[in-house]
Amino acid sequence: MAREREHFEDEDDGRTIADMSDVRSAVPFTLHRANREEDVLPDSTRDVREELGDPDERLMVILGSLKAALSVGLVYVVVFGLFIALLLYLWC
């Protein structure tokens, strides 16, 4: 049984997938300065100290992130060590 294909309307819904209006050259990895007023981001004046929470909460977030990163790193070290051990076993 073949599935029926969904019918897509040919109407433009107005969403922008990738804005290609600022493409200036065909050379990749070149930087250019924003020259349009809407390209420049406004300066933020809000106070973010309240959003960060108290120092104990910040410490717990930092330690949790460090624990997660070290756990992922430990998995890579163990897998690499097992790979080296396997190669040594096969070589000797």
N, C-alpha and C. Protein backbone atom coordinates (compact mmCIF):
# COMPACT_ATOMS: atom_id res chain seq x y z
N MET A 1 0.82 -1.18 0.00
CA MET A 1 0.00 0.00 0.00
C MET A 1 0.87 1.25 0.00
N ALA A 2 0.60 2.10 -0.89
CA ALA A 2 1.35 3.34 -0.96
C ALA A 2 0.64 4.42 -0.16
N ARG A 3 1.43 5.19 0.56
CA ARG A 3 0.86 6.29 1.34
C ARG A 3 0.49 7.43 0.41
N GLU A 4 -0.55 8.10 0.76
CA GLU A 4 -0.93 9.27 -0.01
C GLU A 4 -0.02 10.42 0.38
N ARG A 5 0.43 11.16 -0.60
CA ARG A 5 1.29 12.31 -0.31
C ARG A 5 0.46 13.45 0.25
N GLU A 6 1.08 14.17 1.17
CA GLU A 6 0.39 15.33 1.73
C GLU A 6 0.34 16.43 0.68
N HIS A 7 -0.73 17.14 0.69
CA HIS A 7 -0.89 18.23 -0.27
C HIS A 7 -0.37 19.51 0.37
N PHE A 8 0.66 20.10 -0.24
CA PHE A 8 1.21 21.35 0.24
C PHE A 8 0.67 22.47 -0.62
N GLU A 9 0.21 23.50 0.05
CA GLU A 9 -0.31 24.64 -0.69
C GLU A 9 0.85 25.48 -1.21
N ASP A 10 0.62 26.13 -2.31
CA ASP A 10 1.65 26.94 -2.93
C ASP A 10 1.69 28.37 -2.38
N GLU A 11 1.00 28.61 -1.31
CA GLU A 11 0.95 29.95 -0.75
C GLU A 11 2.20 30.22 0.09
N ASP A 12 2.63 31.46 0.09
CA ASP A 12 3.75 31.89 0.91
C ASP A 12 3.21 32.32 2.26
N ASP A 13 3.72 31.70 3.32
CA ASP A 13 3.23 32.04 4.65
C ASP A 13 4.01 33.19 5.29
N GLY A 14 5.04 33.71 4.61
CA GLY A 14 5.74 34.88 5.09
C GLY A 14 6.92 34.60 5.99
N ARG A 15 7.16 33.36 6.33
CA ARG A 15 8.30 33.06 7.20
C ARG A 15 9.59 33.09 6.40
N THR A 16 10.67 33.51 7.05
CA THR A 16 11.98 33.56 6.42
C THR A 16 12.81 32.39 6.92
N ILE A 17 13.22 31.52 6.04
CA ILE A 17 14.06 30.39 6.43
C ILE A 17 15.50 30.83 6.55
N ALA A 18 16.02 31.48 5.54
CA ALA A 18 17.38 32.00 5.56
C ALA A 18 17.38 33.33 4.82
N ASP A 19 17.74 34.38 5.53
CA ASP A 19 17.76 35.70 4.93
C ASP A 19 19.01 35.85 4.09
N MET A 20 18.83 35.91 2.79
CA MET A 20 19.96 36.00 1.87
C MET A 20 20.10 37.41 1.29
N SER A 21 19.48 38.40 1.92
CA SER A 21 19.52 39.75 1.39
C SER A 21 20.85 40.44 1.64
N ASP A 22 21.68 39.92 2.54
CA ASP A 22 22.93 40.58 2.89
C ASP A 22 24.14 39.85 2.30
N VAL A 23 23.93 39.02 1.32
CA VAL A 23 25.03 38.29 0.70
C VAL A 23 25.77 39.26 -0.21
N ARG A 24 27.07 39.47 0.09
CA ARG A 24 27.81 40.48 -0.65
C ARG A 24 28.84 39.89 -1.60
N SER A 25 29.49 38.83 -1.22
CA SER A 25 30.52 38.29 -2.09
C SER A 25 30.43 36.77 -2.11
N ALA A 26 31.09 36.19 -3.08
CA ALA A 26 31.08 34.74 -3.20
C ALA A 26 32.23 34.11 -2.43
N VAL A 27 33.05 34.93 -1.74
CA VAL A 27 34.19 34.43 -0.99
C VAL A 27 33.71 34.03 0.41
N PRO A 28 33.83 32.75 0.76
CA PRO A 28 33.38 32.35 2.09
C PRO A 28 34.36 32.79 3.16
N PHE A 29 33.92 32.80 4.38
CA PHE A 29 34.72 33.10 5.56
C PHE A 29 35.29 34.51 5.55
N THR A 30 34.59 35.44 4.97
CA THR A 30 35.03 36.83 5.02
C THR A 30 34.10 37.58 5.96
N LEU A 31 34.67 38.48 6.73
CA LEU A 31 33.89 39.26 7.67
C LEU A 31 33.58 40.62 7.06
N HIS A 32 32.42 41.14 7.38
CA HIS A 32 32.08 42.48 6.95
C HIS A 32 31.33 43.15 8.09
N ARG A 33 31.39 44.43 8.12
CA ARG A 33 30.73 45.19 9.18
C ARG A 33 29.27 45.44 8.79
N ALA A 34 28.44 45.48 9.81
CA ALA A 34 27.04 45.78 9.58
C ALA A 34 26.90 47.25 9.23
N ASN A 35 26.23 47.51 8.14
CA ASN A 35 26.07 48.90 7.73
C ASN A 35 24.61 49.33 7.72
N ARG A 36 23.74 48.40 8.03
CA ARG A 36 22.34 48.75 8.09
C ARG A 36 21.94 48.94 9.54
N GLU A 37 21.00 49.82 9.76
CA GLU A 37 20.60 50.14 11.13
C GLU A 37 19.96 48.95 11.84
N GLU A 38 19.22 48.13 11.11
CA GLU A 38 18.55 46.99 11.76
C GLU A 38 19.51 45.85 12.06
N ASP A 39 20.72 45.85 11.47
CA ASP A 39 21.70 44.81 11.76
C ASP A 39 22.39 45.01 13.10
N VAL A 40 22.40 46.23 13.60
CA VAL A 40 23.09 46.53 14.85
C VAL A 40 22.15 46.21 16.00
N LEU A 41 22.62 45.38 16.93
CA LEU A 41 21.81 45.00 18.07
C LEU A 41 21.78 46.13 19.09
N PRO A 42 20.64 46.39 19.70
CA PRO A 42 20.58 47.46 20.70
C PRO A 42 21.29 47.03 21.99
N ASP A 43 21.81 48.00 22.71
CA ASP A 43 22.46 47.71 23.99
C ASP A 43 21.41 47.32 25.01
N SER A 44 21.70 46.29 25.76
CA SER A 44 20.77 45.83 26.78
C SER A 44 21.03 46.58 28.08
N THR A 45 20.00 47.10 28.68
CA THR A 45 20.16 47.84 29.93
C THR A 45 19.51 47.11 31.10
N ARG A 46 19.08 45.90 30.91
CA ARG A 46 18.42 45.20 32.01
C ARG A 46 19.46 44.67 32.99
N ASP A 47 19.04 44.49 34.22
CA ASP A 47 19.92 44.00 35.27
C ASP A 47 19.77 42.48 35.35
N VAL A 48 20.84 41.77 35.05
CA VAL A 48 20.77 40.31 35.01
C VAL A 48 21.19 39.68 36.33
N ARG A 49 21.58 40.48 37.30
CA ARG A 49 22.02 39.90 38.58
C ARG A 49 20.90 39.15 39.27
N GLU A 50 19.65 39.63 39.12
CA GLU A 50 18.53 38.94 39.75
C GLU A 50 18.23 37.62 39.06
N GLU A 51 18.50 37.52 37.78
CA GLU A 51 18.21 36.29 37.03
C GLU A 51 19.20 35.18 37.37
N LEU A 52 20.39 35.54 37.83
CA LEU A 52 21.41 34.54 38.12
C LEU A 52 21.17 33.84 39.44
N GLY A 53 20.35 34.38 40.31
CA GLY A 53 20.05 33.73 41.57
C GLY A 53 21.10 34.04 42.61
N ASP A 54 20.94 33.41 43.77
CA ASP A 54 21.89 33.65 44.85
C ASP A 54 23.20 32.89 44.60
N PRO A 55 24.27 33.23 45.30
CA PRO A 55 25.58 32.59 45.05
C PRO A 55 25.58 31.07 45.24
N ASP A 56 24.79 30.57 46.20
CA ASP A 56 24.74 29.11 46.40
C ASP A 56 24.12 28.40 45.19
N GLU A 57 23.08 29.01 44.64
CA GLU A 57 22.43 28.42 43.46
C GLU A 57 23.38 28.45 42.26
N ARG A 58 24.10 29.56 42.09
CA ARG A 58 25.07 29.66 40.99
C ARG A 58 26.17 28.61 41.14
N LEU A 59 26.63 28.40 42.38
CA LEU A 59 27.67 27.40 42.63
C LEU A 59 27.17 26.01 42.27
N MET A 60 25.92 25.71 42.60
CA MET A 60 25.36 24.39 42.28
C MET A 60 25.23 24.19 40.77
N VAL A 61 24.88 25.27 40.04
CA VAL A 61 24.79 25.18 38.58
C VAL A 61 26.17 24.95 37.99
N ILE A 62 27.17 25.66 38.49
CA ILE A 62 28.54 25.51 37.98
C ILE A 62 29.06 24.11 38.27
N LEU A 63 28.86 23.63 39.50
CA LEU A 63 29.34 22.29 39.85
C LEU A 63 28.59 21.20 39.09
N GLY A 64 27.31 21.40 38.84
CA GLY A 64 26.55 20.42 38.06
C GLY A 64 27.03 20.36 36.62
N SER A 65 27.32 21.52 36.05
CA SER A 65 27.84 21.55 34.68
C SER A 65 29.22 20.91 34.61
N LEU A 66 30.05 21.19 35.59
CA LEU A 66 31.38 20.58 35.63
C LEU A 66 31.29 19.07 35.78
N LYS A 67 30.39 18.60 36.61
CA LYS A 67 30.21 17.15 36.80
C LYS A 67 29.75 16.49 35.51
N ALA A 68 28.83 17.13 34.79
CA ALA A 68 28.35 16.57 33.53
C ALA A 68 29.46 16.52 32.49
N ALA A 69 30.26 17.59 32.40
CA ALA A 69 31.35 17.63 31.42
C ALA A 69 32.41 16.60 31.75
N LEU A 70 32.75 16.46 33.03
CA LEU A 70 33.76 15.47 33.41
C LEU A 70 33.25 14.05 33.19
N SER A 71 31.97 13.82 33.37
CA SER A 71 31.40 12.49 33.13
C SER A 71 31.50 12.12 31.65
N VAL A 72 31.19 13.07 30.78
CA VAL A 72 31.30 12.81 29.34
C VAL A 72 32.75 12.59 28.97
N GLY A 73 33.64 13.39 29.51
CA GLY A 73 35.08 13.23 29.24
C GLY A 73 35.59 11.89 29.73
N LEU A 74 35.11 11.44 30.88
CA LEU A 74 35.54 10.14 31.41
C LEU A 74 35.10 9.00 30.50
N VAL A 75 33.93 9.11 29.93
CA VAL A 75 33.46 8.08 28.99
C VAL A 75 34.40 8.01 27.79
N TYR A 76 34.81 9.16 27.25
CA TYR A 76 35.73 9.16 26.12
C TYR A 76 37.08 8.57 26.50
N VAL A 77 37.58 8.90 27.68
CA VAL A 77 38.87 8.36 28.12
C VAL A 77 38.80 6.85 28.28
N VAL A 78 37.72 6.35 28.86
CA VAL A 78 37.58 4.90 29.06
C VAL A 78 37.47 4.18 27.72
N VAL A 79 36.69 4.70 26.80
CA VAL A 79 36.55 4.07 25.48
C VAL A 79 37.88 4.10 24.75
N PHE A 80 38.60 5.22 24.80
CA PHE A 80 39.91 5.30 24.16
C PHE A 80 40.89 4.33 24.80
N GLY A 81 40.86 4.19 26.12
CA GLY A 81 41.73 3.25 26.82
C GLY A 81 41.42 1.81 26.43
N LEU A 82 40.14 1.48 26.33
CA LEU A 82 39.78 0.12 25.91
C LEU A 82 40.20 -0.15 24.47
N PHE A 83 40.12 0.85 23.62
CA PHE A 83 40.56 0.70 22.24
C PHE A 83 42.07 0.45 22.18
N ILE A 84 42.84 1.21 22.96
CA ILE A 84 44.29 1.01 23.00
C ILE A 84 44.62 -0.37 23.57
N ALA A 85 43.91 -0.79 24.61
CA ALA A 85 44.14 -2.12 25.19
C ALA A 85 43.83 -3.22 24.16
N LEU A 86 42.77 -3.05 23.39
CA LEU A 86 42.43 -4.02 22.36
C LEU A 86 43.52 -4.08 21.30
N LEU A 87 44.02 -2.92 20.87
CA LEU A 87 45.09 -2.90 19.87
C LEU A 87 46.37 -3.54 20.40
N LEU A 88 46.69 -3.28 21.68
CA LEU A 88 47.87 -3.92 22.27
C LEU A 88 47.70 -5.43 22.37
N TYR A 89 46.48 -5.87 22.70
CA TYR A 89 46.21 -7.30 22.79
C TYR A 89 46.36 -7.97 21.42
N LEU A 90 45.86 -7.31 20.39
CA LEU A 90 45.97 -7.87 19.04
C LEU A 90 47.40 -7.81 18.51
N TRP A 91 48.16 -6.80 18.91
CA TRP A 91 49.54 -6.64 18.42
C TRP A 91 50.47 -7.67 19.07
N CYS A 92 50.30 -7.92 20.35
CA CYS A 92 51.24 -8.82 21.07
C CYS A 92 50.84 -10.23 21.03
